[in-house]
Amino acid sequence: MIKIWLLISMISMPGMPSVKHTAELYFDQDKCESRRNMIINMATEQGINPIYTQTWCLESSMFVINNS
């Protein structure tokens, strides 16, 4: 088994008919947290306001297919 990190992002803005969500896969926590912070700051830097963003880095274990 290997440990993975799944970054879940949910973004909501007034006038949007639904919540936008994405998921990204990382193999270490630092990269996941770095990307999480980038997503949170991205809307502010682009001047998008108001916007509601929530993100999570979730730790999980996954089986690896062993072909040997």
N, C-alpha and C. Protein backbone atom coordinates (compact mmCIF):
# COMPACT_ATOMS: atom_id res chain seq x y z
N MET A 1 0.84 -1.19 0.00
CA MET A 1 0.00 0.00 0.00
C MET A 1 0.88 1.24 0.00
N ILE A 2 0.38 2.28 -0.65
CA ILE A 2 1.07 3.57 -0.64
C ILE A 2 0.12 4.62 -0.07
N LYS A 3 0.70 5.68 0.46
CA LYS A 3 -0.08 6.78 0.98
C LYS A 3 -0.23 7.84 -0.11
N ILE A 4 -1.45 8.33 -0.30
CA ILE A 4 -1.70 9.41 -1.25
C ILE A 4 -2.44 10.53 -0.54
N TRP A 5 -2.46 11.69 -1.17
CA TRP A 5 -3.20 12.85 -0.67
C TRP A 5 -4.14 13.31 -1.77
N LEU A 6 -5.40 13.44 -1.45
CA LEU A 6 -6.41 13.88 -2.41
C LEU A 6 -6.84 15.29 -2.03
N LEU A 7 -6.61 16.23 -2.94
CA LEU A 7 -7.01 17.62 -2.72
C LEU A 7 -8.40 17.83 -3.31
N ILE A 8 -9.36 18.13 -2.45
CA ILE A 8 -10.73 18.42 -2.87
C ILE A 8 -10.94 19.92 -2.74
N SER A 9 -11.42 20.57 -3.79
CA SER A 9 -11.69 22.01 -3.78
C SER A 9 -13.13 22.25 -4.18
N MET A 10 -13.81 23.11 -3.45
CA MET A 10 -15.18 23.52 -3.78
C MET A 10 -15.23 25.03 -3.82
N ILE A 11 -15.79 25.57 -4.91
CA ILE A 11 -15.85 27.02 -5.11
C ILE A 11 -17.28 27.41 -5.43
N SER A 12 -17.76 28.45 -4.76
CA SER A 12 -19.11 28.94 -4.97
C SER A 12 -19.08 30.45 -5.13
N MET A 13 -19.84 30.96 -6.10
CA MET A 13 -19.96 32.41 -6.33
C MET A 13 -21.42 32.75 -6.55
N PRO A 14 -21.83 33.97 -6.16
CA PRO A 14 -23.21 34.39 -6.42
C PRO A 14 -23.51 34.35 -7.91
N GLY A 15 -24.69 33.91 -8.26
CA GLY A 15 -25.10 33.86 -9.66
C GLY A 15 -24.70 32.58 -10.37
N MET A 16 -23.86 31.77 -9.75
CA MET A 16 -23.49 30.49 -10.36
C MET A 16 -24.58 29.47 -10.03
N PRO A 17 -25.00 28.65 -10.97
CA PRO A 17 -26.08 27.70 -10.71
C PRO A 17 -25.67 26.53 -9.81
N SER A 18 -24.35 26.30 -9.65
CA SER A 18 -23.92 25.18 -8.82
C SER A 18 -22.55 25.47 -8.22
N VAL A 19 -22.11 24.57 -7.40
CA VAL A 19 -20.78 24.66 -6.80
C VAL A 19 -19.80 23.95 -7.72
N LYS A 20 -18.69 24.63 -8.04
CA LYS A 20 -17.64 24.01 -8.85
C LYS A 20 -16.74 23.20 -7.91
N HIS A 21 -16.42 21.98 -8.31
CA HIS A 21 -15.55 21.17 -7.49
C HIS A 21 -14.49 20.49 -8.36
N THR A 22 -13.33 20.29 -7.78
CA THR A 22 -12.24 19.58 -8.45
C THR A 22 -11.56 18.65 -7.45
N ALA A 23 -10.84 17.69 -7.97
CA ALA A 23 -10.03 16.80 -7.14
C ALA A 23 -8.69 16.59 -7.84
N GLU A 24 -7.62 16.63 -7.07
CA GLU A 24 -6.28 16.41 -7.59
C GLU A 24 -5.57 15.41 -6.68
N LEU A 25 -4.67 14.61 -7.24
CA LEU A 25 -3.96 13.57 -6.50
C LEU A 25 -2.50 13.96 -6.32
N TYR A 26 -2.00 13.79 -5.08
CA TYR A 26 -0.60 14.07 -4.77
C TYR A 26 -0.03 12.92 -3.96
N PHE A 27 1.30 12.76 -4.02
CA PHE A 27 1.94 11.68 -3.30
C PHE A 27 2.65 12.14 -2.03
N ASP A 28 2.58 13.44 -1.72
CA ASP A 28 3.07 13.88 -0.41
C ASP A 28 2.25 15.07 0.08
N GLN A 29 2.20 15.19 1.38
CA GLN A 29 1.35 16.20 2.02
C GLN A 29 1.79 17.62 1.70
N ASP A 30 3.10 17.87 1.65
CA ASP A 30 3.59 19.23 1.40
C ASP A 30 3.13 19.77 0.06
N LYS A 31 3.19 18.94 -0.99
CA LYS A 31 2.73 19.39 -2.32
C LYS A 31 1.23 19.65 -2.32
N CYS A 32 0.48 18.81 -1.63
CA CYS A 32 -0.97 18.99 -1.55
C CYS A 32 -1.31 20.29 -0.83
N GLU A 33 -0.66 20.54 0.30
CA GLU A 33 -0.92 21.76 1.07
C GLU A 33 -0.49 23.01 0.29
N SER A 34 0.60 22.92 -0.44
CA SER A 34 1.07 24.04 -1.25
C SER A 34 0.04 24.39 -2.33
N ARG A 35 -0.45 23.39 -3.03
CA ARG A 35 -1.47 23.62 -4.06
C ARG A 35 -2.78 24.13 -3.45
N ARG A 36 -3.13 23.62 -2.26
CA ARG A 36 -4.34 24.06 -1.56
C ARG A 36 -4.26 25.56 -1.28
N ASN A 37 -3.13 26.02 -0.78
CA ASN A 37 -2.95 27.44 -0.51
C ASN A 37 -3.00 28.27 -1.78
N MET A 38 -2.44 27.74 -2.87
CA MET A 38 -2.46 28.46 -4.14
C MET A 38 -3.89 28.65 -4.64
N ILE A 39 -4.73 27.63 -4.51
CA ILE A 39 -6.13 27.73 -4.94
C ILE A 39 -6.88 28.77 -4.12
N ILE A 40 -6.65 28.78 -2.81
CA ILE A 40 -7.33 29.74 -1.94
C ILE A 40 -6.96 31.17 -2.31
N ASN A 41 -5.68 31.40 -2.62
CA ASN A 41 -5.21 32.75 -2.92
C ASN A 41 -5.48 33.19 -4.36
N MET A 42 -5.74 32.24 -5.26
CA MET A 42 -5.90 32.54 -6.68
C MET A 42 -7.04 33.53 -6.95
N ALA A 43 -8.19 33.34 -6.34
CA ALA A 43 -9.33 34.22 -6.59
C ALA A 43 -9.05 35.63 -6.10
N THR A 44 -8.40 35.75 -4.97
CA THR A 44 -8.07 37.06 -4.42
C THR A 44 -7.13 37.81 -5.35
N GLU A 45 -6.12 37.11 -5.86
CA GLU A 45 -5.14 37.73 -6.76
C GLU A 45 -5.78 38.17 -8.07
N GLN A 46 -6.80 37.45 -8.54
CA GLN A 46 -7.46 37.80 -9.79
C GLN A 46 -8.57 38.81 -9.60
N GLY A 47 -8.84 39.20 -8.35
CA GLY A 47 -9.86 40.20 -8.07
C GLY A 47 -11.28 39.68 -8.15
N ILE A 48 -11.48 38.38 -8.08
CA ILE A 48 -12.82 37.81 -8.10
C ILE A 48 -13.41 37.95 -6.70
N ASN A 49 -14.53 38.69 -6.60
CA ASN A 49 -15.12 38.92 -5.28
C ASN A 49 -16.62 39.12 -5.45
N PRO A 50 -17.50 38.60 -4.65
CA PRO A 50 -17.22 37.65 -3.57
C PRO A 50 -17.11 36.24 -4.10
N ILE A 51 -16.37 35.45 -3.41
CA ILE A 51 -16.20 34.04 -3.76
C ILE A 51 -16.02 33.26 -2.46
N TYR A 52 -16.55 32.05 -2.41
CA TYR A 52 -16.38 31.20 -1.24
C TYR A 52 -15.65 29.95 -1.69
N THR A 53 -14.50 29.69 -1.08
CA THR A 53 -13.69 28.53 -1.43
C THR A 53 -13.41 27.72 -0.18
N GLN A 54 -13.54 26.41 -0.30
CA GLN A 54 -13.15 25.52 0.78
C GLN A 54 -12.36 24.37 0.18
N THR A 55 -11.25 24.03 0.80
CA THR A 55 -10.38 22.97 0.29
C THR A 55 -9.97 22.03 1.42
N TRP A 56 -9.69 20.79 1.03
CA TRP A 56 -9.23 19.78 1.99
C TRP A 56 -8.14 18.94 1.35
N CYS A 57 -7.11 18.60 2.11
CA CYS A 57 -6.13 17.59 1.72
C CYS A 57 -6.42 16.36 2.56
N LEU A 58 -6.91 15.32 1.93
CA LEU A 58 -7.32 14.11 2.64
C LEU A 58 -6.29 13.00 2.44
N GLU A 59 -5.81 12.44 3.53
CA GLU A 59 -4.85 11.35 3.48
C GLU A 59 -5.59 10.02 3.26
N SER A 60 -5.01 9.19 2.41
CA SER A 60 -5.62 7.89 2.16
C SER A 60 -4.50 6.89 1.82
N SER A 61 -4.81 5.63 1.97
CA SER A 61 -3.90 4.57 1.55
C SER A 61 -4.52 3.83 0.38
N MET A 62 -3.71 3.51 -0.61
CA MET A 62 -4.18 2.84 -1.82
C MET A 62 -3.30 1.65 -2.11
N PHE A 63 -3.90 0.62 -2.69
CA PHE A 63 -3.15 -0.53 -3.14
C PHE A 63 -2.46 -0.20 -4.45
N VAL A 64 -1.30 -0.79 -4.64
CA VAL A 64 -0.54 -0.63 -5.87
C VAL A 64 -0.58 -1.96 -6.60
N ILE A 65 -0.84 -1.92 -7.91
CA ILE A 65 -0.85 -3.13 -8.71
C ILE A 65 0.60 -3.57 -8.92
N ASN A 66 0.90 -4.77 -8.50
CA ASN A 66 2.25 -5.31 -8.63
C ASN A 66 2.25 -6.32 -9.78
N ASN A 67 2.91 -5.99 -10.88
CA ASN A 67 2.92 -6.86 -12.05
C ASN A 67 4.05 -7.88 -12.04
N SER A 68 4.84 -7.94 -10.99
CA SER A 68 5.98 -8.87 -11.00
C SER A 68 5.62 -10.21 -10.43
